[in-house]
Amino acid sequence: MRKMATMLRLGCFTLLLGLLIVPSCGDLSHMFTALAHMSGLVEVEGELLNELDTYIAAEEKRLAELKVFAHKVRKAQDIAKADPRSHVLHPTNAMGVIHRFHKGWSDRVPSLLYETNYDDLLATISLHKYRFPTDADFSGAVLALARLQDTYQISPYNLTQPELGGRQSVHLTAKDCFDIGRVSYLTEDWWYTKEWMLEVIRKVDQGDDQDVSLVEVYDHLSFAEYSLGNIRRAKQFTKDLLQNEPDHERAQNNLAHFEELLENDPNVLKIPEPLDRKRVLSEEMFKYEDYCREGKEVPKEKYHMMVCFFYTNNMHPHLVLKPAKIEVAYLKPRVYLLKGLVLDYEIRRLMELGEPKLNRATVFDANGKMVYSTIRTSKSAWLDESDDPSGVLTDINTRISAITGLDLTTAELLQVCNYGIGGHYDPHYDFSTREGDLFSGDGRRIATVLMYLTNVELGGATVFTVAGAHLTPSKGDAAFWWNIKRSGEGDLSTRHAACPVLVGSKWVCNKWIHERGQEFRRKCAPEEYK
């Protein structure tokens, strides 16, 4: 469409200029001196007027498209203006912002602007262009939606409803849904190609047919169903395509092919239509998604062990007047919740220091190198006590040391993390499983303190995939667990994961404490005394 509109405008002016400057046969200078040379000007003017009308119509169409986009943005702004920062906490709102910038402000709007009154807008676009989402951002947002749909078993219809998790959502148009389905198509995700294209048809049936080609929709649906092995529905969608464009040659060939398949293999008709998305997942990933929806219940006979208590760590000076409030959240692995570990003003300081430093989070690859990976989608920042003259970071570290009784000399810096659309971290251990790390440097991560800096409306839980534990983020609280047993072995029951954030923004702060320096603080013991 963009290229066609550009060609239309350029084509009109090329023709206009051509008619004005290219002379016919003979010397047409001093035309006023010979009416004969003027005899064809009326016809030429008529052609010029037709071309001018065509140009004006194209310009009006261009302005009308800008008005439609402006109306769409205005509706989104009307919803977002009450609380712009939290507007993007709804996944489709966040995806919608990316989509409008990527497809609208960055691409379509500049291409539609022409001459009149566009300098200031283009200058503003250029000024902020470095912040605009890219193709990769849009594709990533669509993949995040698919992750949310998989994990929480949500349909496109539910995702496009006006409200999710108590947050109002900007209406996704049929064109928006088509663009999402198109990314799924390009990544060969046939199930969500089908699901999103069906949502396009549903919206078109409701009257939302703006800038959507049903021919393209049915074309994508037909191929998606064919790829899923559903020949009958592939045939039907091909017929629907041909009803809209009878001369579509490829569709005609496809229809003949589908009919031949059905005729030559009658058993195809007996194959039931797939009702669920088929994915090749490990048993652990199935459990991960299941526990993200709901964790395992603690057996009733264990309830008496799920206790809350005040803790002074043998009358530690920092805990005498204000003991730590601790709750046993799970038994194996033993996970403790340190209630109210981080105060509100400390949370604000952590986020204030961390936000300017956020970079795409990395993971260790098979060679021990830090790399970007789809198993972890978040941004993180490392904070040193020297970064904070106010002493907030020092206070947090001191408090952690007092409660855990551990030496933080060899601990890692505080790591602040923020998760985006569908932000998650697949199952992993915090301690290293590489043999070379057992006796090197500061040793492995003996313990983890995971501080929750925000509440999360929906999703975003921490789950332990071996045990089935499910921890819902609670602002100011922190989860604590031992990664290494007293015997020196890694505790395999601590394998855990961060569930995708469905609605809300998840901020956490990690403190990983290493083995070196803990020799007399957490003494070794046989396996049974881990």
Protein backbone atom coordinates (compact mmCIF):
# COMPACT_ATOMS: atom_id res chain seq x y z
CA MET A 1 0.00 0.00 0.00
CA ARG A 2 2.75 2.49 0.93
CA LYS A 3 4.62 1.89 -2.32
CA MET A 4 1.41 2.07 -4.33
CA ALA A 5 0.44 5.40 -2.72
CA THR A 6 3.92 6.78 -3.35
CA MET A 7 3.82 5.64 -6.98
CA LEU A 8 0.37 7.15 -7.38
CA ARG A 9 1.52 10.57 -6.20
CA LEU A 10 4.77 10.48 -8.14
CA GLY A 11 3.02 9.09 -11.17
CA CYS A 12 0.49 11.95 -11.19
CA PHE A 13 3.20 14.59 -11.04
CA THR A 14 5.33 12.85 -13.63
CA LEU A 15 2.40 12.86 -16.01
CA LEU A 16 1.57 16.49 -15.20
CA LEU A 17 5.12 17.60 -15.81
CA GLY A 18 5.35 15.50 -18.94
CA LEU A 19 2.28 17.09 -20.46
CA LEU A 20 3.47 20.55 -19.57
CA ILE A 21 7.03 20.43 -20.86
CA VAL A 22 7.07 17.90 -23.68
CA PRO A 23 6.07 19.70 -26.94
CA SER A 24 4.25 18.16 -29.87
CA CYS A 25 5.62 18.35 -33.41
CA GLY A 26 6.73 21.74 -34.72
CA ASP A 27 7.84 24.94 -33.07
CA LEU A 28 5.27 25.87 -30.49
CA SER A 29 6.99 28.99 -29.30
CA HIS A 30 4.94 32.18 -29.54
CA MET A 31 1.84 30.05 -29.50
CA PHE A 32 -0.40 33.07 -29.10
CA THR A 33 0.50 34.07 -32.60
CA ALA A 34 -1.19 31.09 -34.14
CA LEU A 35 -4.52 29.74 -33.03
CA ALA A 36 -3.76 26.53 -34.88
CA HIS A 37 -1.15 25.70 -32.34
CA MET A 38 -3.74 26.25 -29.60
CA SER A 39 -6.40 24.02 -31.08
CA GLY A 40 -5.51 21.05 -28.88
CA LEU A 41 -4.97 22.94 -25.63
CA VAL A 42 -8.57 22.53 -24.49
CA GLU A 43 -8.28 18.77 -24.80
CA VAL A 44 -4.91 18.88 -23.04
CA GLU A 45 -6.42 20.96 -20.25
CA GLY A 46 -9.23 18.44 -19.95
CA GLU A 47 -6.63 15.67 -19.52
CA LEU A 48 -4.72 17.83 -17.04
CA LEU A 49 -7.93 18.41 -15.08
CA ASN A 50 -8.59 14.65 -15.00
CA GLU A 51 -5.08 14.05 -13.72
CA LEU A 52 -5.45 16.88 -11.21
CA ASP A 53 -8.71 15.35 -9.97
CA THR A 54 -6.94 12.03 -9.67
CA TYR A 55 -4.15 13.69 -7.69
CA ILE A 56 -6.63 15.50 -5.43
CA ALA A 57 -8.51 12.23 -4.85
CA ALA A 58 -5.23 10.56 -3.96
CA GLU A 59 -4.39 13.40 -1.58
CA GLU A 60 -7.84 13.22 0.03
CA LYS A 61 -7.38 9.49 0.45
CA ARG A 62 -3.99 10.15 2.00
CA LEU A 63 -5.46 12.68 4.44
CA ALA A 64 -8.37 10.37 5.22
CA GLU A 65 -5.91 7.63 6.14
CA LEU A 66 -4.03 10.05 8.37
CA LYS A 67 -7.33 11.00 10.04
CA VAL A 68 -8.12 7.33 10.65
CA PHE A 69 -4.71 6.81 12.23
CA ALA A 70 -5.07 10.01 14.29
CA HIS A 71 -8.50 8.81 15.49
CA LYS A 72 -7.00 5.44 16.46
CA VAL A 73 -4.16 7.13 18.38
CA ARG A 74 -6.60 9.57 20.02
CA LYS A 75 -8.76 6.70 21.28
CA ALA A 76 -5.68 5.02 22.70
CA GLN A 77 -4.56 8.28 24.31
CA ASP A 78 -8.00 8.82 25.85
CA ILE A 79 -7.60 5.49 27.60
CA ALA A 80 -3.93 5.98 28.48
CA LYS A 81 -3.83 9.63 29.57
CA ALA A 82 -5.13 8.96 33.09
CA ASP A 83 -2.03 6.87 33.85
CA PRO A 84 0.36 6.72 30.86
CA ARG A 85 3.04 4.74 32.69
CA SER A 86 0.75 1.88 33.69
CA HIS A 87 -1.04 1.83 30.32
CA VAL A 88 1.61 -0.50 28.88
CA LEU A 89 1.16 -2.98 31.72
CA HIS A 90 -1.61 -4.62 29.67
CA PRO A 91 0.08 -6.85 27.07
CA THR A 92 -2.08 -5.82 24.10
CA ASN A 93 -1.74 -2.15 25.08
CA ALA A 94 2.05 -2.55 25.06
CA MET A 95 1.93 -4.45 21.78
CA GLY A 96 -0.43 -1.77 20.39
CA VAL A 97 2.04 1.01 21.27
CA ILE A 98 4.83 -0.88 19.52
CA HIS A 99 2.55 -1.58 16.56
CA ARG A 100 1.48 2.07 16.19
CA PHE A 101 5.07 3.31 16.34
CA HIS A 102 6.43 0.55 14.08
CA LYS A 103 3.68 0.56 11.45
CA GLY A 104 2.35 4.10 11.96
CA TRP A 105 4.66 6.81 13.26
CA SER A 106 7.81 5.21 11.92
CA ASP A 107 6.55 3.94 8.58
CA ARG A 108 3.09 4.87 7.34
CA VAL A 109 2.82 8.45 8.65
CA PRO A 110 6.13 9.67 7.15
CA SER A 111 5.24 8.02 3.83
CA LEU A 112 1.85 9.79 3.74
CA LEU A 113 3.17 13.23 4.56
CA TYR A 114 3.81 15.33 1.47
CA GLU A 115 4.98 18.95 1.29
CA THR A 116 2.37 20.93 3.24
CA ASN A 117 2.99 21.39 6.96
CA TYR A 118 5.07 18.27 7.40
CA ASP A 119 8.50 19.71 8.23
CA ASP A 120 7.94 20.05 11.96
CA LEU A 121 6.43 16.59 12.28
CA LEU A 122 9.20 14.95 10.27
CA ALA A 123 11.79 16.79 12.36
CA THR A 124 10.15 15.49 15.54
CA ILE A 125 10.01 11.97 14.12
CA SER A 126 13.70 12.19 13.20
CA LEU A 127 14.56 13.52 16.64
CA HIS A 128 12.98 10.53 18.37
CA LYS A 129 13.55 7.91 15.68
CA TYR A 130 16.32 6.25 17.70
CA ARG A 131 13.68 5.26 20.21
CA PHE A 132 11.23 3.76 17.78
CA PRO A 133 10.54 0.03 17.91
CA THR A 134 11.98 -1.99 15.06
CA ASP A 135 10.83 -4.99 13.05
CA ALA A 136 12.48 -7.16 15.65
CA ASP A 137 10.52 -5.43 18.42
CA PHE A 138 7.20 -6.01 16.69
CA SER A 139 8.04 -9.63 15.96
CA GLY A 140 9.18 -10.04 19.52
CA ALA A 141 5.92 -8.59 20.83
CA VAL A 142 3.92 -11.04 18.71
CA LEU A 143 6.02 -13.96 19.95
CA ALA A 144 5.43 -12.73 23.51
CA LEU A 145 1.67 -12.78 22.91
CA ALA A 146 1.99 -16.37 21.69
CA ARG A 147 3.93 -17.24 24.84
CA LEU A 148 1.18 -15.74 26.97
CA GLN A 149 -1.48 -17.61 25.03
CA ASP A 150 0.40 -20.89 25.43
CA THR A 151 1.16 -20.49 29.11
CA TYR A 152 -2.19 -19.17 30.27
CA GLN A 153 -4.35 -20.82 27.58
CA ILE A 154 -5.81 -17.56 26.29
CA SER A 155 -7.46 -17.18 22.88
CA PRO A 156 -6.99 -14.15 20.61
CA TYR A 157 -10.62 -13.29 21.32
CA ASN A 158 -9.93 -13.04 25.06
CA LEU A 159 -6.75 -11.05 24.49
CA THR A 160 -8.62 -8.51 22.38
CA GLN A 161 -11.39 -7.91 24.91
CA PRO A 162 -11.81 -4.37 26.31
CA GLU A 163 -10.49 -5.40 29.71
CA LEU A 164 -7.98 -7.91 31.03
CA GLY A 165 -6.94 -8.23 34.63
CA GLY A 166 -8.83 -5.07 35.50
CA ARG A 167 -6.95 -2.99 32.93
CA GLN A 168 -8.66 -1.34 30.00
CA SER A 169 -7.40 -2.32 26.57
CA VAL A 170 -7.22 -0.39 23.32
CA HIS A 171 -9.35 -2.00 20.65
CA LEU A 172 -7.31 -4.15 18.28
CA THR A 173 -8.63 -3.72 14.75
CA ALA A 174 -8.94 -6.43 12.13
CA LYS A 175 -5.76 -5.01 10.53
CA ASP A 176 -3.89 -5.25 13.85
CA CYS A 177 -4.94 -8.89 14.19
CA PHE A 178 -3.91 -9.56 10.60
CA ASP A 179 -0.43 -8.13 11.23
CA ILE A 180 -0.07 -10.35 14.32
CA GLY A 181 -1.18 -13.39 12.33
CA ARG A 182 1.19 -12.43 9.55
CA VAL A 183 4.19 -12.55 11.91
CA SER A 184 3.03 -15.96 13.11
CA TYR A 185 2.84 -17.03 9.47
CA LEU A 186 6.38 -15.82 8.74
CA THR A 187 7.68 -17.75 11.76
CA GLU A 188 5.74 -20.84 10.58
CA ASP A 189 3.55 -20.88 13.66
CA TRP A 190 0.55 -22.28 11.82
CA TRP A 191 -1.71 -22.62 14.84
CA TYR A 192 -1.58 -18.96 15.78
CA THR A 193 -1.65 -17.96 12.13
CA LYS A 194 -5.01 -19.71 11.99
CA GLU A 195 -6.22 -18.36 15.33
CA TRP A 196 -5.42 -14.73 14.56
CA MET A 197 -6.76 -14.87 11.00
CA LEU A 198 -10.02 -16.31 12.34
CA GLU A 199 -10.14 -13.38 14.73
CA VAL A 200 -9.72 -11.08 11.70
CA ILE A 201 -12.78 -12.68 10.08
CA ARG A 202 -14.76 -12.35 13.30
CA LYS A 203 -13.96 -8.64 13.44
CA VAL A 204 -14.77 -8.17 9.76
CA ASP A 205 -18.14 -9.85 10.34
CA GLN A 206 -18.74 -7.26 13.06
CA GLY A 207 -18.09 -4.46 10.58
CA ASP A 208 -14.38 -3.83 11.20
CA ASP A 209 -13.13 -4.35 7.65
CA GLN A 210 -10.85 -1.32 7.40
CA ASP A 211 -7.86 -1.92 5.15
CA VAL A 212 -8.12 -5.71 5.32
CA SER A 213 -8.08 -7.95 2.26
CA LEU A 214 -10.24 -11.03 2.81
CA VAL A 215 -8.39 -12.65 -0.08
CA GLU A 216 -5.12 -12.40 1.91
CA VAL A 217 -6.83 -13.57 5.09
CA TYR A 218 -8.28 -16.68 3.44
CA ASP A 219 -4.97 -17.30 1.68
CA HIS A 220 -3.15 -17.40 5.03
CA LEU A 221 -5.89 -19.51 6.61
CA SER A 222 -5.83 -22.03 3.79
CA PHE A 223 -2.08 -22.56 3.98
CA ALA A 224 -2.10 -22.68 7.79
CA GLU A 225 -4.79 -25.37 7.82
CA TYR A 226 -2.95 -27.30 5.11
CA SER A 227 0.27 -27.14 7.16
CA LEU A 228 -1.65 -28.37 10.20
CA GLY A 229 -2.88 -31.35 8.16
CA ASN A 230 -6.49 -30.22 7.94
CA ILE A 231 -7.16 -30.62 4.21
CA ARG A 232 -10.93 -30.19 4.49
CA ARG A 233 -10.70 -26.74 6.06
CA ALA A 234 -7.85 -25.76 3.74
CA LYS A 235 -10.16 -26.59 0.84
CA GLN A 236 -13.03 -24.61 2.35
CA PHE A 237 -10.93 -21.50 2.95
CA THR A 238 -9.61 -21.74 -0.61
CA LYS A 239 -13.21 -21.76 -1.84
CA ASP A 240 -13.89 -18.69 0.31
CA LEU A 241 -10.89 -17.00 -1.27
CA LEU A 242 -12.16 -17.76 -4.78
CA GLN A 243 -15.56 -16.33 -3.93
CA ASN A 244 -13.82 -13.03 -3.31
CA GLU A 245 -11.42 -13.33 -6.26
CA PRO A 246 -12.56 -15.97 -8.80
CA ASP A 247 -9.53 -15.49 -11.08
CA HIS A 248 -6.93 -16.15 -8.38
CA GLU A 249 -4.76 -18.62 -10.27
CA ARG A 250 -2.80 -20.02 -7.34
CA ALA A 251 -5.98 -20.59 -5.35
CA GLN A 252 -7.50 -22.43 -8.32
CA ASN A 253 -4.47 -24.72 -8.45
CA ASN A 254 -4.55 -25.23 -4.69
CA LEU A 255 -8.23 -26.14 -4.78
CA ALA A 256 -7.58 -28.76 -7.46
CA HIS A 257 -4.71 -30.13 -5.37
CA PHE A 258 -6.82 -30.36 -2.20
CA GLU A 259 -9.66 -32.07 -4.05
CA GLU A 260 -7.19 -34.57 -5.50
CA LEU A 261 -5.79 -35.31 -2.03
CA LEU A 262 -9.26 -35.90 -0.62
CA GLU A 263 -10.27 -38.08 -3.55
CA ASN A 264 -7.13 -40.23 -3.54
CA ASP A 265 -7.04 -40.71 0.22
CA PRO A 266 -10.53 -41.12 1.71
CA ASN A 267 -8.95 -41.65 5.14
CA VAL A 268 -8.10 -37.96 5.21
CA LEU A 269 -11.79 -37.29 5.81
CA LYS A 270 -11.65 -39.41 8.95
CA ILE A 271 -8.83 -37.43 10.53
CA PRO A 272 -10.35 -35.28 13.28
CA GLU A 273 -9.73 -31.57 13.19
CA PRO A 274 -7.01 -30.54 15.68
CA LEU A 275 -8.65 -28.86 18.66
CA ASP A 276 -5.50 -27.93 20.52
CA ARG A 277 -2.16 -26.46 19.64
CA LYS A 278 0.42 -29.20 19.15
CA ARG A 279 3.84 -28.37 20.52
CA VAL A 280 6.95 -30.38 21.17
CA LEU A 281 7.68 -29.59 24.81
CA SER A 282 9.74 -31.36 27.41
CA GLU A 283 7.99 -32.72 30.48
CA GLU A 284 9.60 -29.94 32.49
CA MET A 285 8.20 -27.22 30.21
CA PHE A 286 4.72 -28.72 30.44
CA LYS A 287 5.03 -28.65 34.23
CA TYR A 288 6.40 -25.11 34.09
CA GLU A 289 3.38 -23.82 32.19
CA ASP A 290 1.01 -25.81 34.41
CA TYR A 291 2.56 -24.45 37.61
CA CYS A 292 2.48 -20.92 36.18
CA ARG A 293 -1.29 -21.27 36.06
CA GLU A 294 -1.54 -22.92 39.48
CA GLY A 295 1.06 -24.44 41.77
CA LYS A 296 0.84 -27.68 43.71
CA GLU A 297 -1.00 -27.54 47.00
CA VAL A 298 0.92 -28.36 50.14
CA PRO A 299 -0.43 -31.62 51.67
CA LYS A 300 -2.67 -31.00 54.67
CA GLU A 301 -0.47 -33.13 56.90
CA LYS A 302 2.33 -30.61 56.27
CA TYR A 303 0.31 -27.53 57.19
CA HIS A 304 1.75 -27.43 60.71
CA MET A 305 5.20 -26.86 59.19
CA MET A 306 4.09 -23.83 57.17
CA VAL A 307 4.77 -21.31 59.90
CA CYS A 308 5.40 -17.59 60.31
CA PHE A 309 7.81 -16.25 62.90
CA PHE A 310 9.91 -13.30 64.01
CA TYR A 311 13.64 -13.79 63.68
CA THR A 312 16.52 -11.96 65.34
CA ASN A 313 19.38 -14.29 64.30
CA ASN A 314 20.70 -14.70 67.83
CA MET A 315 19.94 -11.09 68.75
CA HIS A 316 21.80 -9.56 65.81
CA PRO A 317 22.17 -5.81 66.49
CA HIS A 318 20.25 -4.91 63.33
CA LEU A 319 17.34 -7.18 64.26
CA VAL A 320 16.90 -6.69 67.99
CA LEU A 321 14.49 -3.75 67.77
CA LYS A 322 12.96 -4.79 64.47
CA PRO A 323 13.04 -8.57 64.01
CA ALA A 324 12.67 -10.02 60.52
CA LYS A 325 9.21 -11.35 59.68
CA ILE A 326 9.64 -14.70 57.97
CA GLU A 327 7.15 -17.13 56.46
CA VAL A 328 7.92 -20.68 55.35
CA ALA A 329 6.52 -20.60 51.82
CA TYR A 330 7.50 -24.13 50.78
CA LEU A 331 9.17 -27.15 52.34
CA LYS A 332 11.21 -28.85 49.61
CA PRO A 333 13.03 -26.88 48.60
CA ARG A 334 12.67 -24.86 51.76
CA VAL A 335 11.75 -21.41 50.53
CA TYR A 336 11.38 -18.57 52.99
CA LEU A 337 9.51 -15.33 52.40
CA LEU A 338 11.22 -12.39 54.08
CA LYS A 339 8.21 -10.15 54.59
CA GLY A 340 8.73 -6.44 54.02
CA LEU A 341 12.47 -6.84 53.46
CA VAL A 342 12.60 -3.82 51.12
CA LEU A 343 10.85 -0.59 52.07
CA ASP A 344 8.91 1.59 49.61
CA TYR A 345 11.51 4.37 49.45
CA GLU A 346 14.23 1.75 48.89
CA ILE A 347 12.23 0.24 46.04
CA ARG A 348 11.92 3.66 44.43
CA ARG A 349 15.67 4.15 44.78
CA LEU A 350 16.49 0.76 43.28
CA MET A 351 14.27 1.46 40.26
CA GLU A 352 15.59 5.01 39.95
CA LEU A 353 19.20 3.77 39.85
CA GLY A 354 18.47 0.73 37.71
CA GLU A 355 16.28 2.12 34.93
CA PRO A 356 18.99 4.17 33.13
CA LYS A 357 21.29 1.13 33.15
CA LEU A 358 18.86 -1.54 31.94
CA ASN A 359 20.26 -3.75 29.21
CA ARG A 360 18.99 -6.96 27.65
CA ALA A 361 19.55 -9.74 30.15
CA THR A 362 21.94 -12.55 29.23
CA VAL A 363 22.43 -16.20 30.15
CA PHE A 364 25.42 -18.55 30.13
CA ASP A 365 25.69 -20.65 26.98
CA ALA A 366 27.23 -24.13 26.75
CA ASN A 367 30.71 -22.57 26.58
CA GLY A 368 30.24 -20.43 29.66
CA LYS A 369 29.78 -17.20 27.68
CA MET A 370 27.06 -14.65 28.42
CA VAL A 371 24.66 -14.44 25.47
CA TYR A 372 21.18 -13.15 24.61
CA SER A 373 18.58 -15.90 24.56
CA THR A 374 14.86 -16.40 24.07
CA ILE A 375 14.76 -18.39 27.31
CA ARG A 376 15.09 -15.10 29.18
CA THR A 377 13.28 -11.96 28.11
CA SER A 378 14.01 -9.11 30.49
CA LYS A 379 16.42 -6.24 30.98
CA SER A 380 18.75 -5.98 33.94
CA ALA A 381 21.18 -3.60 35.62
CA TRP A 382 23.93 -4.20 38.16
CA LEU A 383 24.10 -1.77 41.07
CA ASP A 384 27.19 -1.13 43.19
CA GLU A 385 26.95 0.51 46.62
CA SER A 386 29.23 3.23 45.27
CA ASP A 387 26.46 4.16 42.79
CA ASP A 388 24.28 5.35 45.67
CA PRO A 389 25.52 8.18 47.93
CA SER A 390 22.23 7.97 49.88
CA GLY A 391 23.30 4.62 51.33
CA VAL A 392 20.09 2.75 50.39
CA LEU A 393 21.99 -0.06 48.67
CA THR A 394 24.27 -0.42 51.68
CA ASP A 395 21.26 -0.65 53.98
CA ILE A 396 19.68 -3.40 51.87
CA ASN A 397 22.90 -5.43 51.76
CA THR A 398 23.43 -5.00 55.50
CA ARG A 399 19.88 -6.18 56.19
CA ILE A 400 20.32 -9.24 53.96
CA SER A 401 23.57 -10.15 55.72
CA ALA A 402 21.96 -9.74 59.13
CA ILE A 403 18.99 -11.99 58.33
CA THR A 404 20.87 -14.70 56.43
CA GLY A 405 23.97 -14.64 58.63
CA LEU A 406 26.10 -14.75 55.49
CA ASP A 407 29.17 -12.76 54.46
CA LEU A 408 28.46 -10.63 51.38
CA THR A 409 32.09 -9.85 50.59
CA THR A 410 32.08 -12.30 47.68
CA ALA A 411 28.41 -11.80 46.78
CA GLU A 412 27.42 -10.41 43.44
CA LEU A 413 26.18 -6.85 43.07
CA LEU A 414 22.48 -6.20 43.40
CA GLN A 415 20.83 -6.94 40.07
CA VAL A 416 17.64 -5.05 39.21
CA CYS A 417 15.47 -6.66 36.51
CA ASN A 418 12.40 -5.53 34.62
CA TYR A 419 10.31 -7.90 32.51
CA GLY A 420 8.51 -6.70 29.40
CA ILE A 421 5.61 -8.09 27.36
CA GLY A 422 5.35 -11.72 28.28
CA GLY A 423 8.68 -11.35 30.11
CA HIS A 424 9.89 -14.68 31.48
CA TYR A 425 12.86 -16.86 32.38
CA ASP A 426 12.71 -20.57 31.56
CA PRO A 427 13.58 -23.21 34.22
CA HIS A 428 17.15 -22.94 35.48
CA TYR A 429 19.41 -23.34 38.49
CA ASP A 430 21.03 -20.33 40.13
CA PHE A 431 24.11 -22.39 40.98
CA SER A 432 26.57 -23.40 38.27
CA THR A 433 26.53 -27.02 37.13
CA ARG A 434 29.89 -26.75 35.38
CA GLU A 435 32.61 -28.78 37.09
CA GLY A 436 35.21 -26.07 36.55
CA ASP A 437 33.28 -23.67 38.80
CA LEU A 438 33.36 -25.94 41.88
CA PHE A 439 36.80 -24.82 43.08
CA SER A 440 37.32 -21.57 41.20
CA GLY A 441 37.12 -17.94 42.32
CA ASP A 442 34.41 -17.24 44.84
CA GLY A 443 32.68 -20.57 44.38
CA ARG A 444 29.11 -21.17 43.36
CA ARG A 445 25.98 -19.28 44.37
CA ILE A 446 25.23 -20.79 47.76
CA ALA A 447 22.01 -18.81 48.29
CA THR A 448 19.54 -16.58 46.45
CA VAL A 449 17.59 -13.58 47.71
CA LEU A 450 14.90 -12.61 45.20
CA MET A 451 13.27 -9.29 46.10
CA TYR A 452 9.92 -8.35 44.56
CA LEU A 453 9.78 -4.62 43.85
CA THR A 454 6.25 -4.58 42.42
CA ASN A 455 2.99 -6.44 42.56
CA VAL A 456 1.93 -8.07 39.29
CA GLU A 457 -1.75 -8.09 38.38
CA LEU A 458 -1.67 -11.32 36.38
CA GLY A 459 1.16 -13.78 35.78
CA GLY A 460 4.79 -13.23 36.69
CA ALA A 461 4.97 -15.87 39.42
CA THR A 462 8.16 -17.64 40.47
CA VAL A 463 7.68 -21.40 40.18
CA PHE A 464 9.86 -24.32 41.23
CA THR A 465 9.39 -26.93 38.54
CA VAL A 466 10.51 -29.95 40.55
CA ALA A 467 8.46 -29.17 43.63
CA GLY A 468 5.52 -27.38 42.01
CA ALA A 469 5.84 -24.32 44.27
CA HIS A 470 4.19 -21.12 43.03
CA LEU A 471 5.19 -17.75 44.52
CA THR A 472 3.13 -14.71 43.58
CA PRO A 473 5.16 -11.46 43.54
CA SER A 474 4.36 -9.30 46.57
CA LYS A 475 5.87 -5.82 46.66
CA GLY A 476 8.57 -5.45 49.32
CA ASP A 477 8.82 -9.16 50.12
CA ALA A 478 11.75 -11.39 49.19
CA ALA A 479 12.14 -15.11 48.60
CA PHE A 480 15.20 -16.81 50.06
CA TRP A 481 16.50 -20.31 49.44
CA TRP A 482 19.72 -22.31 49.63
CA ASN A 483 21.10 -23.43 46.27
CA ILE A 484 23.87 -25.60 47.72
CA LYS A 485 23.31 -28.30 50.34
CA ARG A 486 25.56 -28.52 53.39
CA SER A 487 27.11 -31.57 51.74
CA GLY A 488 28.38 -29.33 48.94
CA GLU A 489 26.01 -30.75 46.35
CA GLY A 490 23.72 -28.54 44.32
CA ASP A 491 20.09 -28.78 45.43
CA LEU A 492 18.27 -30.00 42.30
CA SER A 493 14.89 -29.20 43.84
CA THR A 494 15.69 -25.47 43.51
CA ARG A 495 15.23 -25.51 39.74
CA HIS A 496 12.93 -22.55 39.18
CA ALA A 497 11.55 -20.21 36.57
CA ALA A 498 9.90 -16.82 36.10
CA CYS A 499 6.44 -17.12 34.56
CA PRO A 500 5.45 -14.74 31.74
CA VAL A 501 3.97 -11.45 32.86
CA LEU A 502 0.40 -11.27 31.58
CA VAL A 503 -0.77 -7.95 32.99
CA GLY A 504 1.44 -5.55 34.91
CA SER A 505 5.11 -4.71 35.19
CA LYS A 506 7.40 -7.00 37.12
CA TRP A 507 10.45 -5.52 38.79
CA VAL A 508 12.72 -7.70 40.92
CA CYS A 509 16.11 -7.37 42.54
CA ASN A 510 18.43 -10.37 42.90
CA LYS A 511 21.21 -10.89 45.39
CA TRP A 512 23.33 -13.96 44.77
CA ILE A 513 25.61 -14.97 47.63
CA HIS A 514 28.66 -17.13 46.93
CA GLU A 515 30.32 -19.96 48.86
CA ARG A 516 33.61 -18.27 49.66
CA GLY A 517 33.47 -16.63 53.07
CA GLN A 518 30.69 -18.86 54.38
CA GLU A 519 32.95 -21.67 55.64
CA PHE A 520 32.32 -20.87 59.31
CA ARG A 521 28.88 -19.34 58.83
CA ARG A 522 27.25 -22.35 57.18
CA LYS A 523 29.39 -25.32 58.01
CA CYS A 524 29.56 -28.44 55.87
CA ALA A 525 27.58 -31.51 56.94
CA PRO A 526 26.75 -34.96 55.55
CA GLU A 527 23.91 -35.27 53.05
CA GLU A 528 21.28 -36.05 55.67
CA TYR A 529 22.02 -32.75 57.43
CA LYS A 530 22.09 -30.73 54.23
